[in-house]
Every structure is written in structure tokens, then in C-alpha cells.
């Protein structure tokens, strides 16, 4: 379940674990004062691969064409 950060005017910043479908809190659970949801700095994104680039899956013909075009541009300079 995701955790959301809230700021209470009296208590300060606190974290609340909520379902995505639940509405945002309007009152502090400790003092019943007004709260606002704030944007969290720590986002729990986990990448389980090494990553990839759009050029990783290009055909060898495309790569050769790009090399020849860059060589022509270098010679023209």
C-alpha cells in the first residue's frame, strides 16, 4: 500500500499508509487540525533490469547506416 505525506499546521509532517482509492485526509489523526497532502521526495520505484535505450534493439543494417552517415559528416567538416 502506498504511503502519503501530509502536513499539519500544529503537528508538522507525518506519513499515512492508505489505499489509492481512499480519499485524502482532511483532519490530523492526532489533533484534528486541518492537513494538506504534500508531494513526497522519496518515491518507491524499483527497476529490476539494467535498463535499455531505443538504440539497443536496432537492426545491424540501421547501425551500419548510421555509422556511414556520421563518417561522411566528419569528412565533410
N, C-alpha and C. Protein backbone atom coordinates (compact mmCIF):
# COMPACT_ATOMS: atom_id res chain seq x y z
N UNK A 1 0.84 -1.17 0.00
CA UNK A 1 0.00 0.00 0.00
C UNK A 1 0.89 1.24 0.00
N UNK A 2 0.52 2.26 -0.75
CA UNK A 2 1.35 3.47 -0.80
C UNK A 2 1.25 4.29 0.48
N UNK A 3 2.28 5.05 0.72
CA UNK A 3 2.32 5.95 1.88
C UNK A 3 2.29 7.38 1.36
N UNK A 4 1.50 8.20 2.00
CA UNK A 4 1.36 9.59 1.61
C UNK A 4 1.85 10.48 2.74
N UNK A 5 2.48 11.59 2.37
CA UNK A 5 2.95 12.57 3.34
C UNK A 5 1.90 13.67 3.47
N UNK A 6 1.67 14.08 4.69
CA UNK A 6 0.73 15.16 5.00
C UNK A 6 1.42 16.18 5.89
N UNK A 7 0.93 17.42 5.84
CA UNK A 7 1.46 18.48 6.70
C UNK A 7 0.31 19.04 7.53
N UNK A 8 0.48 18.95 8.84
CA UNK A 8 -0.47 19.52 9.78
C UNK A 8 0.11 20.83 10.28
N UNK A 9 -0.72 21.85 10.42
CA UNK A 9 -0.23 23.15 10.89
C UNK A 9 0.30 23.08 12.32
N UNK A 10 -0.27 22.18 13.14
CA UNK A 10 0.14 22.08 14.54
C UNK A 10 1.20 21.00 14.77
N UNK A 11 1.01 19.83 14.17
CA UNK A 11 1.88 18.66 14.45
C UNK A 11 3.08 18.54 13.51
N UNK A 12 3.03 19.18 12.35
CA UNK A 12 4.11 19.07 11.38
C UNK A 12 3.83 18.02 10.33
N UNK A 13 4.88 17.44 9.78
CA UNK A 13 4.75 16.47 8.70
C UNK A 13 4.62 15.06 9.27
N UNK A 14 3.68 14.30 8.71
CA UNK A 14 3.53 12.90 9.09
C UNK A 14 3.18 12.07 7.86
N UNK A 15 3.31 10.76 8.01
CA UNK A 15 3.10 9.83 6.91
C UNK A 15 1.91 8.94 7.23
N UNK A 16 1.10 8.64 6.21
CA UNK A 16 -0.07 7.80 6.41
C UNK A 16 -0.14 6.77 5.29
N UNK A 17 -0.27 5.50 5.64
CA UNK A 17 -0.42 4.44 4.66
C UNK A 17 -1.90 4.33 4.30
N UNK A 18 -2.20 4.47 3.00
CA UNK A 18 -3.59 4.45 2.53
C UNK A 18 -3.69 3.73 1.22
N UNK A 19 -4.87 3.21 0.95
CA UNK A 19 -5.13 2.66 -0.38
C UNK A 19 -5.23 3.81 -1.37
N UNK A 20 -4.94 3.52 -2.63
CA UNK A 20 -5.01 4.55 -3.67
C UNK A 20 -6.44 5.06 -3.82
N UNK A 21 -7.41 4.20 -3.59
CA UNK A 21 -8.82 4.58 -3.77
C UNK A 21 -9.38 5.39 -2.61
N UNK A 22 -8.66 5.46 -1.49
CA UNK A 22 -9.13 6.23 -0.33
C UNK A 22 -8.97 7.72 -0.59
N UNK A 23 -9.90 8.53 -0.11
CA UNK A 23 -9.74 9.99 -0.27
C UNK A 23 -8.62 10.50 0.64
N UNK A 24 -8.07 11.65 0.29
CA UNK A 24 -7.01 12.25 1.09
C UNK A 24 -7.56 12.66 2.46
N UNK A 25 -6.68 12.62 3.45
CA UNK A 25 -7.09 13.04 4.80
C UNK A 25 -7.41 14.53 4.80
N UNK A 26 -8.38 14.91 5.61
CA UNK A 26 -8.71 16.33 5.77
C UNK A 26 -8.38 16.82 7.17
N UNK A 27 -8.31 15.87 8.14
CA UNK A 27 -8.02 16.22 9.52
C UNK A 27 -6.85 15.38 10.04
N UNK A 28 -6.06 15.99 10.89
CA UNK A 28 -4.92 15.30 11.51
C UNK A 28 -5.44 14.23 12.47
N UNK A 29 -4.87 13.02 12.42
CA UNK A 29 -5.34 11.98 13.33
C UNK A 29 -4.98 12.25 14.80
N UNK A 30 -4.03 13.15 15.07
CA UNK A 30 -3.63 13.43 16.45
C UNK A 30 -4.38 14.61 17.06
N UNK A 31 -4.47 15.71 16.31
CA UNK A 31 -5.05 16.92 16.89
C UNK A 31 -6.35 17.37 16.22
N UNK A 32 -6.78 16.68 15.16
CA UNK A 32 -7.97 17.03 14.37
C UNK A 32 -7.86 18.37 13.66
N UNK A 33 -6.63 18.89 13.53
CA UNK A 33 -6.42 20.12 12.79
C UNK A 33 -6.42 19.84 11.29
N UNK A 34 -6.52 20.89 10.46
CA UNK A 34 -6.53 20.71 9.01
C UNK A 34 -5.17 20.23 8.49
N UNK A 35 -5.18 19.36 7.49
CA UNK A 35 -3.95 18.86 6.89
C UNK A 35 -4.00 19.01 5.38
N UNK A 36 -2.84 19.03 4.76
CA UNK A 36 -2.71 19.05 3.30
C UNK A 36 -1.77 17.94 2.90
N UNK A 37 -2.10 17.25 1.80
CA UNK A 37 -1.20 16.24 1.27
C UNK A 37 -0.07 16.94 0.54
N UNK A 38 1.15 16.52 0.80
CA UNK A 38 2.30 17.14 0.15
C UNK A 38 2.97 16.12 -0.76
N UNK A 39 3.73 16.61 -1.70
CA UNK A 39 4.45 15.75 -2.63
C UNK A 39 5.66 15.18 -1.91
N UNK A 40 5.79 13.88 -1.96
CA UNK A 40 6.87 13.19 -1.27
C UNK A 40 8.15 13.23 -2.10
N UNK A 41 9.29 13.30 -1.44
CA UNK A 41 10.57 13.26 -2.14
C UNK A 41 10.97 11.83 -2.46
N UNK A 42 10.67 10.91 -1.58
CA UNK A 42 11.09 9.52 -1.75
C UNK A 42 9.97 8.72 -2.41
N UNK A 43 10.19 8.40 -3.65
CA UNK A 43 9.22 7.61 -4.38
C UNK A 43 9.78 6.21 -4.50
N UNK A 44 9.00 5.22 -4.15
CA UNK A 44 9.48 3.85 -4.13
C UNK A 44 9.38 3.16 -5.48
N UNK A 45 10.15 3.62 -6.44
CA UNK A 45 10.18 2.98 -7.75
C UNK A 45 11.36 2.03 -7.76
N UNK A 46 11.12 0.82 -8.17
CA UNK A 46 12.16 -0.19 -8.19
C UNK A 46 12.32 -0.73 -9.60
N UNK A 47 13.49 -0.52 -10.19
CA UNK A 47 13.78 -1.03 -11.52
C UNK A 47 14.54 -2.34 -11.36
N UNK A 48 14.04 -3.40 -11.95
CA UNK A 48 14.65 -4.71 -11.77
C UNK A 48 15.48 -5.15 -12.98
N UNK A 49 15.76 -4.25 -13.89
CA UNK A 49 16.57 -4.58 -15.06
C UNK A 49 17.73 -3.60 -15.16
N UNK A 50 18.64 -3.88 -16.06
CA UNK A 50 19.77 -2.98 -16.28
C UNK A 50 19.35 -1.73 -17.03
N UNK A 51 18.18 -1.77 -17.65
CA UNK A 51 17.73 -0.64 -18.43
C UNK A 51 17.99 -0.88 -19.90
N UNK A 52 17.48 -0.02 -20.73
CA UNK A 52 17.69 -0.15 -22.16
C UNK A 52 17.55 1.21 -22.81
N UNK A 53 18.04 1.30 -24.01
CA UNK A 53 17.93 2.51 -24.81
C UNK A 53 17.21 2.15 -26.09
N UNK A 54 16.68 3.14 -26.76
CA UNK A 54 15.96 2.85 -28.01
C UNK A 54 16.88 2.28 -29.06
N UNK A 55 18.17 2.53 -28.94
CA UNK A 55 19.12 2.00 -29.94
C UNK A 55 19.56 0.57 -29.65
N UNK A 56 19.21 0.03 -28.49
CA UNK A 56 19.64 -1.32 -28.14
C UNK A 56 19.06 -2.37 -29.07
N UNK A 57 17.88 -2.15 -29.58
CA UNK A 57 17.20 -3.18 -30.37
C UNK A 57 17.13 -2.83 -31.86
N UNK A 58 17.99 -1.94 -32.29
CA UNK A 58 18.02 -1.58 -33.70
C UNK A 58 18.70 -2.69 -34.50
N UNK A 59 18.33 -2.78 -35.75
CA UNK A 59 18.94 -3.81 -36.61
C UNK A 59 20.39 -3.43 -36.93
N UNK A 60 21.17 -4.42 -37.31
CA UNK A 60 22.57 -4.16 -37.63
C UNK A 60 22.67 -3.29 -38.88
N UNK A 61 21.71 -3.42 -39.80
CA UNK A 61 21.71 -2.58 -41.01
C UNK A 61 21.54 -1.11 -40.64
N UNK A 62 20.65 -0.83 -39.71
CA UNK A 62 20.41 0.54 -39.27
C UNK A 62 21.68 1.12 -38.63
N UNK A 63 22.33 0.31 -37.79
CA UNK A 63 23.54 0.77 -37.12
C UNK A 63 24.66 1.07 -38.12
N UNK A 64 24.80 0.23 -39.15
CA UNK A 64 25.81 0.45 -40.18
C UNK A 64 25.52 1.73 -40.96
N UNK A 65 24.25 1.95 -41.27
CA UNK A 65 23.86 3.16 -42.00
C UNK A 65 24.19 4.40 -41.17
N UNK A 66 23.92 4.37 -39.87
CA UNK A 66 24.23 5.50 -39.00
C UNK A 66 25.73 5.76 -38.95
N UNK A 67 26.54 4.70 -38.89
CA UNK A 67 28.00 4.85 -38.86
C UNK A 67 28.50 5.50 -40.14
N UNK A 68 27.98 5.03 -41.29
CA UNK A 68 28.44 5.59 -42.56
C UNK A 68 28.03 7.05 -42.70
N UNK A 69 26.84 7.41 -42.23
CA UNK A 69 26.40 8.80 -42.29
C UNK A 69 27.23 9.69 -41.38
N UNK A 70 27.59 9.20 -40.19
CA UNK A 70 28.41 10.01 -39.29
C UNK A 70 29.83 10.16 -39.83
N UNK A 71 30.35 9.13 -40.51
CA UNK A 71 31.67 9.22 -41.12
C UNK A 71 31.67 10.25 -42.25
N UNK A 72 30.60 10.29 -43.06
CA UNK A 72 30.50 11.28 -44.14
C UNK A 72 30.46 12.68 -43.58
N UNK A 73 29.72 12.86 -42.47
CA UNK A 73 29.62 14.19 -41.85
C UNK A 73 30.97 14.63 -41.27
N UNK A 74 31.75 13.68 -40.71
CA UNK A 74 33.05 14.01 -40.16
C UNK A 74 34.03 14.41 -41.26
N UNK A 75 33.98 13.73 -42.40
CA UNK A 75 34.87 14.05 -43.51
C UNK A 75 34.53 15.38 -44.16
N UNK A 76 33.26 15.75 -44.17
CA UNK A 76 32.82 16.99 -44.78
C UNK A 76 33.23 18.19 -43.93
N UNK A 77 33.45 17.98 -42.64
CA UNK A 77 33.79 19.11 -41.75
C UNK A 77 35.17 19.59 -41.92
